[in-house]
ModelCIF file with pLDDT and N, C-alpha, C, O atoms, coordinates in Angstrom:
data_MODEL
#
_entry.id   MODEL 
#
_entity.id                         1 
_entity.type                       polymer 
_entity.pdbx_number_of_molecules   1 
#
_entity_poly.entity_id                      1 
_entity_poly.type                           'polypeptide(L)' 
_entity_poly.nstd_linkage                   no 
_entity_poly.nstd_monomer                   no 
_entity_poly.pdbx_seq_one_letter_code       GLKSGDKLLSYREIAKRFDVSIITVTKAYELLSDEKLITSSQKGCF 
_entity_poly.pdbx_seq_one_letter_code_can   GLKSGDKLLSYREIAKRFDVSIITVTKAYELLSDEKLITSSQKGCF 
_entity_poly.pdbx_strand_id                 A 
#
loop_
_entity_poly_seq.entity_id 
_entity_poly_seq.num 
_entity_poly_seq.mon_id 
_entity_poly_seq.hetero 
1 1  GLY n 
1 2  LEU n 
1 3  LYS n 
1 4  SER n 
1 5  GLY n 
1 6  ASP n 
1 7  LYS n 
1 8  LEU n 
1 9  LEU n 
1 10 SER n 
1 11 TYR n 
1 12 ARG n 
1 13 GLU n 
1 14 ILE n 
1 15 ALA n 
1 16 LYS n 
1 17 ARG n 
1 18 PHE n 
1 19 ASP n 
1 20 VAL n 
1 21 SER n 
1 22 ILE n 
1 23 ILE n 
1 24 THR n 
1 25 VAL n 
1 26 THR n 
1 27 LYS n 
1 28 ALA n 
1 29 TYR n 
1 30 GLU n 
1 31 LEU n 
1 32 LEU n 
1 33 SER n 
1 34 ASP n 
1 35 GLU n 
1 36 LYS n 
1 37 LEU n 
1 38 ILE n 
1 39 THR n 
1 40 SER n 
1 41 SER n 
1 42 GLN n 
1 43 LYS n 
1 44 GLY n 
1 45 CYS n 
1 46 PHE n 
#
_struct_asym.id          A 
_struct_asym.entity_id   1 
#
loop_
_ma_qa_metric.id 
_ma_qa_metric.mode 
_ma_qa_metric.name 
_ma_qa_metric.software_group_id 
_ma_qa_metric.type 
1 global pLDDT . pLDDT 
2 local  pLDDT . pLDDT 
#
_ma_qa_metric_global.metric_id      1 
_ma_qa_metric_global.metric_value   93.39 
_ma_qa_metric_global.model_id       1 
_ma_qa_metric_global.ordinal_id     1 
#
loop_
_ma_qa_metric_local.label_asym_id 
_ma_qa_metric_local.label_comp_id 
_ma_qa_metric_local.label_seq_id 
_ma_qa_metric_local.metric_id 
_ma_qa_metric_local.metric_value 
_ma_qa_metric_local.model_id 
_ma_qa_metric_local.ordinal_id 
A GLY 1  2 90.00 1 1  
A LEU 2  2 92.00 1 2  
A LYS 3  2 91.00 1 3  
A SER 4  2 91.00 1 4  
A GLY 5  2 91.00 1 5  
A ASP 6  2 93.00 1 6  
A LYS 7  2 93.00 1 7  
A LEU 8  2 94.00 1 8  
A LEU 9  2 92.00 1 9  
A SER 10 2 91.00 1 10 
A TYR 11 2 92.00 1 11 
A ARG 12 2 93.00 1 12 
A GLU 13 2 92.00 1 13 
A ILE 14 2 92.00 1 14 
A ALA 15 2 94.00 1 15 
A LYS 16 2 94.00 1 16 
A ARG 17 2 91.00 1 17 
A PHE 18 2 91.00 1 18 
A ASP 19 2 93.00 1 19 
A VAL 20 2 94.00 1 20 
A SER 21 2 95.00 1 21 
A ILE 22 2 95.00 1 22 
A ILE 23 2 96.00 1 23 
A THR 24 2 96.00 1 24 
A VAL 25 2 96.00 1 25 
A THR 26 2 96.00 1 26 
A LYS 27 2 97.00 1 27 
A ALA 28 2 97.00 1 28 
A TYR 29 2 96.00 1 29 
A GLU 30 2 97.00 1 30 
A LEU 31 2 97.00 1 31 
A LEU 32 2 97.00 1 32 
A SER 33 2 95.00 1 33 
A ASP 34 2 95.00 1 34 
A GLU 35 2 94.00 1 35 
A LYS 36 2 94.00 1 36 
A LEU 37 2 96.00 1 37 
A ILE 38 2 95.00 1 38 
A THR 39 2 94.00 1 39 
A SER 40 2 90.00 1 40 
A SER 41 2 89.00 1 41 
A GLN 42 2 88.00 1 42 
A LYS 43 2 90.00 1 43 
A GLY 44 2 90.00 1 44 
A CYS 45 2 93.00 1 45 
A PHE 46 2 94.00 1 46 
#
loop_
_atom_site.group_PDB 
_atom_site.id 
_atom_site.type_symbol 
_atom_site.label_atom_id 
_atom_site.label_alt_id 
_atom_site.label_comp_id 
_atom_site.label_asym_id 
_atom_site.label_entity_id 
_atom_site.label_seq_id 
_atom_site.pdbx_PDB_ins_code 
_atom_site.Cartn_x 
_atom_site.Cartn_y 
_atom_site.Cartn_z 
_atom_site.occupancy 
_atom_site.B_iso_or_equiv 
_atom_site.pdbx_formal_charge 
_atom_site.auth_seq_id 
_atom_site.auth_comp_id 
_atom_site.auth_asym_id 
_atom_site.auth_atom_id 
_atom_site.pdbx_PDB_model_num 
ATOM 1   N N  . GLY A 1 1  ? 0.832  -1.320 -0.222 1.00 90.00 ? 1  GLY A N  1 
ATOM 2   C CA . GLY A 1 1  ? -0.059 -0.139 0.201  1.00 90.00 ? 1  GLY A CA 1 
ATOM 3   C C  . GLY A 1 1  ? 0.596  1.365  -0.003 1.00 90.00 ? 1  GLY A C  1 
ATOM 4   O O  . GLY A 1 1  ? -0.014 2.344  -0.433 1.00 90.00 ? 1  GLY A O  1 
ATOM 5   N N  . LEU A 1 2  ? 2.116  1.316  0.449  1.00 92.00 ? 2  LEU A N  1 
ATOM 6   C CA . LEU A 1 2  ? 2.784  2.265  0.626  1.00 92.00 ? 2  LEU A CA 1 
ATOM 7   C C  . LEU A 1 2  ? 4.228  1.727  0.380  1.00 92.00 ? 2  LEU A C  1 
ATOM 8   O O  . LEU A 1 2  ? 4.780  0.877  1.078  1.00 92.00 ? 2  LEU A O  1 
ATOM 9   N N  . LYS A 1 3  ? 4.938  2.549  -1.076 1.00 91.00 ? 3  LYS A N  1 
ATOM 10  C CA . LYS A 1 3  ? 5.774  1.531  -1.772 1.00 91.00 ? 3  LYS A CA 1 
ATOM 11  C C  . LYS A 1 3  ? 7.300  2.816  -1.473 1.00 91.00 ? 3  LYS A C  1 
ATOM 12  O O  . LYS A 1 3  ? 7.241  3.879  -0.856 1.00 91.00 ? 3  LYS A O  1 
ATOM 13  N N  . SER A 1 4  ? 8.045  2.435  -1.896 1.00 91.00 ? 4  SER A N  1 
ATOM 14  C CA . SER A 1 4  ? 9.589  3.024  -1.480 1.00 91.00 ? 4  SER A CA 1 
ATOM 15  C C  . SER A 1 4  ? 9.830  4.311  -2.492 1.00 91.00 ? 4  SER A C  1 
ATOM 16  O O  . SER A 1 4  ? 9.769  4.531  -3.702 1.00 91.00 ? 4  SER A O  1 
ATOM 17  N N  . GLY A 1 5  ? 10.078 4.885  -1.522 1.00 91.00 ? 5  GLY A N  1 
ATOM 18  C CA . GLY A 1 5  ? 10.276 6.690  -1.692 1.00 91.00 ? 5  GLY A CA 1 
ATOM 19  C C  . GLY A 1 5  ? 8.677  7.267  -1.774 1.00 91.00 ? 5  GLY A C  1 
ATOM 20  O O  . GLY A 1 5  ? 8.472  8.361  -2.301 1.00 91.00 ? 5  GLY A O  1 
ATOM 21  N N  . ASP A 1 6  ? 7.541  6.448  -1.210 1.00 93.00 ? 6  ASP A N  1 
ATOM 22  C CA . ASP A 1 6  ? 6.349  7.352  -0.667 1.00 93.00 ? 6  ASP A CA 1 
ATOM 23  C C  . ASP A 1 6  ? 6.688  8.185  0.705  1.00 93.00 ? 6  ASP A C  1 
ATOM 24  O O  . ASP A 1 6  ? 6.987  7.616  1.755  1.00 93.00 ? 6  ASP A O  1 
ATOM 25  N N  . LYS A 1 7  ? 6.611  9.474  0.571  1.00 93.00 ? 7  LYS A N  1 
ATOM 26  C CA . LYS A 1 7  ? 6.542  10.555 1.587  1.00 93.00 ? 7  LYS A CA 1 
ATOM 27  C C  . LYS A 1 7  ? 6.002  9.945  2.801  1.00 93.00 ? 7  LYS A C  1 
ATOM 28  O O  . LYS A 1 7  ? 6.107  8.821  2.312  1.00 93.00 ? 7  LYS A O  1 
ATOM 29  N N  . LEU A 1 8  ? 5.459  9.680  4.096  1.00 94.00 ? 8  LEU A N  1 
ATOM 30  C CA . LEU A 1 8  ? 4.980  9.503  5.024  1.00 94.00 ? 8  LEU A CA 1 
ATOM 31  C C  . LEU A 1 8  ? 4.383  11.488 5.510  1.00 94.00 ? 8  LEU A C  1 
ATOM 32  O O  . LEU A 1 8  ? 4.799  12.634 5.335  1.00 94.00 ? 8  LEU A O  1 
ATOM 33  N N  . LEU A 1 9  ? 3.323  10.851 6.103  1.00 92.00 ? 9  LEU A N  1 
ATOM 34  C CA . LEU A 1 9  ? 3.043  11.958 6.646  1.00 92.00 ? 9  LEU A CA 1 
ATOM 35  C C  . LEU A 1 9  ? 4.208  12.577 7.678  1.00 92.00 ? 9  LEU A C  1 
ATOM 36  O O  . LEU A 1 9  ? 5.014  11.682 7.935  1.00 92.00 ? 9  LEU A O  1 
ATOM 37  N N  . SER A 1 10 ? 4.512  13.717 8.284  1.00 91.00 ? 10 SER A N  1 
ATOM 38  C CA . SER A 1 10 ? 5.829  14.285 9.296  1.00 91.00 ? 10 SER A CA 1 
ATOM 39  C C  . SER A 1 10 ? 4.505  13.994 10.205 1.00 91.00 ? 10 SER A C  1 
ATOM 40  O O  . SER A 1 10 ? 3.291  13.820 10.092 1.00 91.00 ? 10 SER A O  1 
ATOM 41  N N  . TYR A 1 11 ? 6.189  14.095 11.791 1.00 92.00 ? 11 TYR A N  1 
ATOM 42  C CA . TYR A 1 11 ? 5.569  13.578 12.570 1.00 92.00 ? 11 TYR A CA 1 
ATOM 43  C C  . TYR A 1 11 ? 4.219  14.623 13.764 1.00 92.00 ? 11 TYR A C  1 
ATOM 44  O O  . TYR A 1 11 ? 3.398  14.445 14.665 1.00 92.00 ? 11 TYR A O  1 
ATOM 45  N N  . ARG A 1 12 ? 4.969  15.956 12.690 1.00 93.00 ? 12 ARG A N  1 
ATOM 46  C CA . ARG A 1 12 ? 3.413  16.555 13.631 1.00 93.00 ? 12 ARG A CA 1 
ATOM 47  C C  . ARG A 1 12 ? 1.908  16.680 13.109 1.00 93.00 ? 12 ARG A C  1 
ATOM 48  O O  . ARG A 1 12 ? 0.827  16.922 13.645 1.00 93.00 ? 12 ARG A O  1 
ATOM 49  N N  . GLU A 1 13 ? 2.406  16.359 11.628 1.00 92.00 ? 13 GLU A N  1 
ATOM 50  C CA . GLU A 1 13 ? 1.095  15.830 11.011 1.00 92.00 ? 13 GLU A CA 1 
ATOM 51  C C  . GLU A 1 13 ? 0.319  14.872 11.691 1.00 92.00 ? 13 GLU A C  1 
ATOM 52  O O  . GLU A 1 13 ? -0.821 15.135 12.072 1.00 92.00 ? 13 GLU A O  1 
ATOM 53  N N  . ILE A 1 14 ? 0.975  13.538 11.907 1.00 92.00 ? 14 ILE A N  1 
ATOM 54  C CA . ILE A 1 14 ? 0.141  12.799 12.386 1.00 92.00 ? 14 ILE A CA 1 
ATOM 55  C C  . ILE A 1 14 ? -0.413 12.811 14.200 1.00 92.00 ? 14 ILE A C  1 
ATOM 56  O O  . ILE A 1 14 ? -1.327 12.206 14.761 1.00 92.00 ? 14 ILE A O  1 
ATOM 57  N N  . ALA A 1 15 ? 0.793  13.951 14.796 1.00 94.00 ? 15 ALA A N  1 
ATOM 58  C CA . ALA A 1 15 ? 0.371  14.145 16.167 1.00 94.00 ? 15 ALA A CA 1 
ATOM 59  C C  . ALA A 1 15 ? -0.877 15.074 16.635 1.00 94.00 ? 15 ALA A C  1 
ATOM 60  O O  . ALA A 1 15 ? -1.591 14.994 17.635 1.00 94.00 ? 15 ALA A O  1 
ATOM 61  N N  . LYS A 1 16 ? -0.876 16.225 15.262 1.00 94.00 ? 16 LYS A N  1 
ATOM 62  C CA . LYS A 1 16 ? -2.114 17.169 15.052 1.00 94.00 ? 16 LYS A CA 1 
ATOM 63  C C  . LYS A 1 16 ? -3.175 16.579 14.903 1.00 94.00 ? 16 LYS A C  1 
ATOM 64  O O  . LYS A 1 16 ? -4.098 16.712 15.707 1.00 94.00 ? 16 LYS A O  1 
ATOM 65  N N  . ARG A 1 17 ? -3.289 15.309 13.146 1.00 91.00 ? 17 ARG A N  1 
ATOM 66  C CA . ARG A 1 17 ? -4.537 14.506 12.845 1.00 91.00 ? 17 ARG A CA 1 
ATOM 67  C C  . ARG A 1 17 ? -4.973 13.358 14.010 1.00 91.00 ? 17 ARG A C  1 
ATOM 68  O O  . ARG A 1 17 ? -6.112 12.915 13.861 1.00 91.00 ? 17 ARG A O  1 
ATOM 69  N N  . PHE A 1 18 ? -4.075 12.740 15.334 1.00 91.00 ? 18 PHE A N  1 
ATOM 70  C CA . PHE A 1 18 ? -4.971 11.994 16.089 1.00 91.00 ? 18 PHE A CA 1 
ATOM 71  C C  . PHE A 1 18 ? -4.944 12.321 17.768 1.00 91.00 ? 18 PHE A C  1 
ATOM 72  O O  . PHE A 1 18 ? -4.953 11.650 18.800 1.00 91.00 ? 18 PHE A O  1 
ATOM 73  N N  . ASP A 1 19 ? -4.904 13.782 17.396 1.00 93.00 ? 19 ASP A N  1 
ATOM 74  C CA . ASP A 1 19 ? -4.416 14.575 18.948 1.00 93.00 ? 19 ASP A CA 1 
ATOM 75  C C  . ASP A 1 19 ? -3.642 13.253 19.870 1.00 93.00 ? 19 ASP A C  1 
ATOM 76  O O  . ASP A 1 19 ? -4.194 12.522 20.691 1.00 93.00 ? 19 ASP A O  1 
ATOM 77  N N  . VAL A 1 20 ? -2.343 13.235 19.474 1.00 94.00 ? 20 VAL A N  1 
ATOM 78  C CA . VAL A 1 20 ? -0.812 12.504 20.167 1.00 94.00 ? 20 VAL A CA 1 
ATOM 79  C C  . VAL A 1 20 ? 0.582  13.139 20.528 1.00 94.00 ? 20 VAL A C  1 
ATOM 80  O O  . VAL A 1 20 ? 0.834  14.312 20.806 1.00 94.00 ? 20 VAL A O  1 
ATOM 81  N N  . SER A 1 21 ? 1.156  12.394 20.474 1.00 95.00 ? 21 SER A N  1 
ATOM 82  C CA . SER A 1 21 ? 2.197  13.958 21.549 1.00 95.00 ? 21 SER A CA 1 
ATOM 83  C C  . SER A 1 21 ? 3.131  13.093 19.655 1.00 95.00 ? 21 SER A C  1 
ATOM 84  O O  . SER A 1 21 ? 2.926  12.136 18.908 1.00 95.00 ? 21 SER A O  1 
ATOM 85  N N  . ILE A 1 22 ? 3.982  14.104 19.754 1.00 95.00 ? 22 ILE A N  1 
ATOM 86  C CA . ILE A 1 22 ? 5.269  13.787 18.589 1.00 95.00 ? 22 ILE A CA 1 
ATOM 87  C C  . ILE A 1 22 ? 5.979  12.911 19.436 1.00 95.00 ? 22 ILE A C  1 
ATOM 88  O O  . ILE A 1 22 ? 6.066  11.834 18.846 1.00 95.00 ? 22 ILE A O  1 
ATOM 89  N N  . ILE A 1 23 ? 6.586  12.855 20.655 1.00 96.00 ? 23 ILE A N  1 
ATOM 90  C CA . ILE A 1 23 ? 6.993  11.495 21.673 1.00 96.00 ? 23 ILE A CA 1 
ATOM 91  C C  . ILE A 1 23 ? 6.398  10.379 20.767 1.00 96.00 ? 23 ILE A C  1 
ATOM 92  O O  . ILE A 1 23 ? 6.965  9.851  19.810 1.00 96.00 ? 23 ILE A O  1 
ATOM 93  N N  . THR A 1 24 ? 4.813  10.045 21.371 1.00 96.00 ? 24 THR A N  1 
ATOM 94  C CA . THR A 1 24 ? 4.267  8.661  20.558 1.00 96.00 ? 24 THR A CA 1 
ATOM 95  C C  . THR A 1 24 ? 5.184  8.484  19.010 1.00 96.00 ? 24 THR A C  1 
ATOM 96  O O  . THR A 1 24 ? 5.900  7.505  18.802 1.00 96.00 ? 24 THR A O  1 
ATOM 97  N N  . VAL A 1 25 ? 5.013  9.544  18.078 1.00 96.00 ? 25 VAL A N  1 
ATOM 98  C CA . VAL A 1 25 ? 4.865  9.096  16.999 1.00 96.00 ? 25 VAL A CA 1 
ATOM 99  C C  . VAL A 1 25 ? 6.188  9.048  16.367 1.00 96.00 ? 25 VAL A C  1 
ATOM 100 O O  . VAL A 1 25 ? 6.401  8.386  15.352 1.00 96.00 ? 25 VAL A O  1 
ATOM 101 N N  . THR A 1 26 ? 7.230  9.874  17.075 1.00 96.00 ? 26 THR A N  1 
ATOM 102 C CA . THR A 1 26 ? 8.826  9.124  17.418 1.00 96.00 ? 26 THR A CA 1 
ATOM 103 C C  . THR A 1 26 ? 8.888  8.277  18.112 1.00 96.00 ? 26 THR A C  1 
ATOM 104 O O  . THR A 1 26 ? 9.815  8.350  18.920 1.00 96.00 ? 26 THR A O  1 
ATOM 105 N N  . LYS A 1 27 ? 8.314  7.499  18.162 1.00 97.00 ? 27 LYS A N  1 
ATOM 106 C CA . LYS A 1 27 ? 8.942  6.179  19.071 1.00 97.00 ? 27 LYS A CA 1 
ATOM 107 C C  . LYS A 1 27 ? 7.957  5.048  17.687 1.00 97.00 ? 27 LYS A C  1 
ATOM 108 O O  . LYS A 1 27 ? 8.652  4.221  17.096 1.00 97.00 ? 27 LYS A O  1 
ATOM 109 N N  . ALA A 1 28 ? 6.861  5.110  17.420 1.00 97.00 ? 28 ALA A N  1 
ATOM 110 C CA . ALA A 1 28 ? 6.491  4.495  16.015 1.00 97.00 ? 28 ALA A CA 1 
ATOM 111 C C  . ALA A 1 28 ? 7.819  4.603  14.810 1.00 97.00 ? 28 ALA A C  1 
ATOM 112 O O  . ALA A 1 28 ? 8.835  3.910  14.763 1.00 97.00 ? 28 ALA A O  1 
ATOM 113 N N  . TYR A 1 29 ? 7.534  5.354  14.194 1.00 96.00 ? 29 TYR A N  1 
ATOM 114 C CA . TYR A 1 29 ? 9.082  5.619  13.392 1.00 96.00 ? 29 TYR A CA 1 
ATOM 115 C C  . TYR A 1 29 ? 10.384 5.037  13.883 1.00 96.00 ? 29 TYR A C  1 
ATOM 116 O O  . TYR A 1 29 ? 11.088 4.161  13.382 1.00 96.00 ? 29 TYR A O  1 
ATOM 117 N N  . GLU A 1 30 ? 10.529 5.742  14.990 1.00 97.00 ? 30 GLU A N  1 
ATOM 118 C CA . GLU A 1 30 ? 12.233 4.854  15.286 1.00 97.00 ? 30 GLU A CA 1 
ATOM 119 C C  . GLU A 1 30 ? 11.967 3.164  14.995 1.00 97.00 ? 30 GLU A C  1 
ATOM 120 O O  . GLU A 1 30 ? 12.902 2.483  14.573 1.00 97.00 ? 30 GLU A O  1 
ATOM 121 N N  . LEU A 1 31 ? 10.761 2.622  15.228 1.00 97.00 ? 31 LEU A N  1 
ATOM 122 C CA . LEU A 1 31 ? 10.721 1.611  15.280 1.00 97.00 ? 31 LEU A CA 1 
ATOM 123 C C  . LEU A 1 31 ? 10.815 0.820  13.812 1.00 97.00 ? 31 LEU A C  1 
ATOM 124 O O  . LEU A 1 31 ? 11.140 -0.306 13.433 1.00 97.00 ? 31 LEU A O  1 
ATOM 125 N N  . LEU A 1 32 ? 10.124 2.633  12.924 1.00 97.00 ? 32 LEU A N  1 
ATOM 126 C CA . LEU A 1 32 ? 10.052 1.514  11.650 1.00 97.00 ? 32 LEU A CA 1 
ATOM 127 C C  . LEU A 1 32 ? 11.906 1.710  10.907 1.00 97.00 ? 32 LEU A C  1 
ATOM 128 O O  . LEU A 1 32 ? 12.493 0.931  10.157 1.00 97.00 ? 32 LEU A O  1 
ATOM 129 N N  . SER A 1 33 ? 12.150 2.374  11.199 1.00 95.00 ? 33 SER A N  1 
ATOM 130 C CA . SER A 1 33 ? 13.381 2.790  10.800 1.00 95.00 ? 33 SER A CA 1 
ATOM 131 C C  . SER A 1 33 ? 14.686 1.699  11.054 1.00 95.00 ? 33 SER A C  1 
ATOM 132 O O  . SER A 1 33 ? 15.621 1.217  10.415 1.00 95.00 ? 33 SER A O  1 
ATOM 133 N N  . ASP A 1 34 ? 14.027 1.643  12.595 1.00 95.00 ? 34 ASP A N  1 
ATOM 134 C CA . ASP A 1 34 ? 15.073 0.172  13.319 1.00 95.00 ? 34 ASP A CA 1 
ATOM 135 C C  . ASP A 1 34 ? 15.195 -1.031 12.386 1.00 95.00 ? 34 ASP A C  1 
ATOM 136 O O  . ASP A 1 34 ? 16.181 -1.745 12.199 1.00 95.00 ? 34 ASP A O  1 
ATOM 137 N N  . GLU A 1 35 ? 13.382 -1.135 11.574 1.00 94.00 ? 35 GLU A N  1 
ATOM 138 C CA . GLU A 1 35 ? 13.444 -2.360 10.507 1.00 94.00 ? 35 GLU A CA 1 
ATOM 139 C C  . GLU A 1 35 ? 14.080 -1.534 8.922  1.00 94.00 ? 35 GLU A C  1 
ATOM 140 O O  . GLU A 1 35 ? 13.455 -2.019 7.979  1.00 94.00 ? 35 GLU A O  1 
ATOM 141 N N  . LYS A 1 36 ? 14.607 -0.990 8.674  1.00 94.00 ? 36 LYS A N  1 
ATOM 142 C CA . LYS A 1 36 ? 14.828 -0.475 8.001  1.00 94.00 ? 36 LYS A CA 1 
ATOM 143 C C  . LYS A 1 36 ? 13.743 0.041  7.203  1.00 94.00 ? 36 LYS A C  1 
ATOM 144 O O  . LYS A 1 36 ? 14.046 1.034  6.543  1.00 94.00 ? 36 LYS A O  1 
ATOM 145 N N  . LEU A 1 37 ? 12.298 -0.464 7.067  1.00 96.00 ? 37 LEU A N  1 
ATOM 146 C CA . LEU A 1 37 ? 11.057 0.136  6.432  1.00 96.00 ? 37 LEU A CA 1 
ATOM 147 C C  . LEU A 1 37 ? 11.302 1.760  5.913  1.00 96.00 ? 37 LEU A C  1 
ATOM 148 O O  . LEU A 1 37 ? 11.316 2.101  4.730  1.00 96.00 ? 37 LEU A O  1 
ATOM 149 N N  . ILE A 1 38 ? 11.494 2.676  7.095  1.00 95.00 ? 38 ILE A N  1 
ATOM 150 C CA . ILE A 1 38 ? 11.647 3.663  6.466  1.00 95.00 ? 38 ILE A CA 1 
ATOM 151 C C  . ILE A 1 38 ? 12.913 4.439  6.609  1.00 95.00 ? 38 ILE A C  1 
ATOM 152 O O  . ILE A 1 38 ? 13.739 3.968  7.391  1.00 95.00 ? 38 ILE A O  1 
ATOM 153 N N  . THR A 1 39 ? 13.256 5.724  5.890  1.00 94.00 ? 39 THR A N  1 
ATOM 154 C CA . THR A 1 39 ? 14.060 7.016  5.589  1.00 94.00 ? 39 THR A CA 1 
ATOM 155 C C  . THR A 1 39 ? 14.279 7.700  6.483  1.00 94.00 ? 39 THR A C  1 
ATOM 156 O O  . THR A 1 39 ? 13.496 7.154  7.259  1.00 94.00 ? 39 THR A O  1 
ATOM 157 N N  . SER A 1 40 ? 14.867 8.760  7.263  1.00 90.00 ? 40 SER A N  1 
ATOM 158 C CA . SER A 1 40 ? 14.838 10.518 7.225  1.00 90.00 ? 40 SER A CA 1 
ATOM 159 C C  . SER A 1 40 ? 15.720 10.970 7.031  1.00 90.00 ? 40 SER A C  1 
ATOM 160 O O  . SER A 1 40 ? 16.856 10.684 7.407  1.00 90.00 ? 40 SER A O  1 
ATOM 161 N N  . SER A 1 41 ? 15.079 12.352 5.939  1.00 89.00 ? 41 SER A N  1 
ATOM 162 C CA . SER A 1 41 ? 16.231 13.509 5.771  1.00 89.00 ? 41 SER A CA 1 
ATOM 163 C C  . SER A 1 41 ? 15.590 14.901 6.197  1.00 89.00 ? 41 SER A C  1 
ATOM 164 O O  . SER A 1 41 ? 14.599 15.083 6.904  1.00 89.00 ? 41 SER A O  1 
ATOM 165 N N  . GLN A 1 42 ? 16.290 15.693 5.676  1.00 88.00 ? 42 GLN A N  1 
ATOM 166 C CA . GLN A 1 42 ? 15.311 17.563 5.546  1.00 88.00 ? 42 GLN A CA 1 
ATOM 167 C C  . GLN A 1 42 ? 14.130 17.268 4.838  1.00 88.00 ? 42 GLN A C  1 
ATOM 168 O O  . GLN A 1 42 ? 13.380 18.244 4.863  1.00 88.00 ? 42 GLN A O  1 
ATOM 169 N N  . LYS A 1 43 ? 13.585 16.150 4.111  1.00 90.00 ? 43 LYS A N  1 
ATOM 170 C CA . LYS A 1 43 ? 12.880 16.546 3.328  1.00 90.00 ? 43 LYS A CA 1 
ATOM 171 C C  . LYS A 1 43 ? 11.548 15.733 3.637  1.00 90.00 ? 43 LYS A C  1 
ATOM 172 O O  . LYS A 1 43 ? 10.556 15.650 2.914  1.00 90.00 ? 43 LYS A O  1 
ATOM 173 N N  . GLY A 1 44 ? 11.828 14.968 5.278  1.00 90.00 ? 44 GLY A N  1 
ATOM 174 C CA . GLY A 1 44 ? 11.289 14.098 5.964  1.00 90.00 ? 44 GLY A CA 1 
ATOM 175 C C  . GLY A 1 44 ? 11.150 12.597 5.862  1.00 90.00 ? 44 GLY A C  1 
ATOM 176 O O  . GLY A 1 44 ? 12.046 11.791 5.612  1.00 90.00 ? 44 GLY A O  1 
ATOM 177 N N  . CYS A 1 45 ? 10.148 12.412 6.046  1.00 93.00 ? 45 CYS A N  1 
ATOM 178 C CA . CYS A 1 45 ? 10.376 10.426 5.929  1.00 93.00 ? 45 CYS A CA 1 
ATOM 179 C C  . CYS A 1 45 ? 9.694  10.037 5.103  1.00 93.00 ? 45 CYS A C  1 
ATOM 180 O O  . CYS A 1 45 ? 8.575  10.420 4.762  1.00 93.00 ? 45 CYS A O  1 
ATOM 181 N N  . PHE A 1 46 ? 10.418 9.128  4.669  1.00 94.00 ? 46 PHE A N  1 
ATOM 182 C CA . PHE A 1 46 ? 10.052 7.876  3.460  1.00 94.00 ? 46 PHE A CA 1 
ATOM 183 C C  . PHE A 1 46 ? 10.331 6.988  3.450  1.00 94.00 ? 46 PHE A C  1 
ATOM 184 O O  . PHE A 1 46 ? 9.987  6.243  2.533  1.00 94.00 ? 46 PHE A O  1 
#
């Protein structure tokens, strides 16, 4: 459903959309990054 190169919602967008803390989103994205499913750059997470 999400393919290589697709841009993910930003930490802030998810936090705002779901009324959760940025720390919560950071934890989720860190797990995805640890599994090498996503990468981060200055342009966002992909």
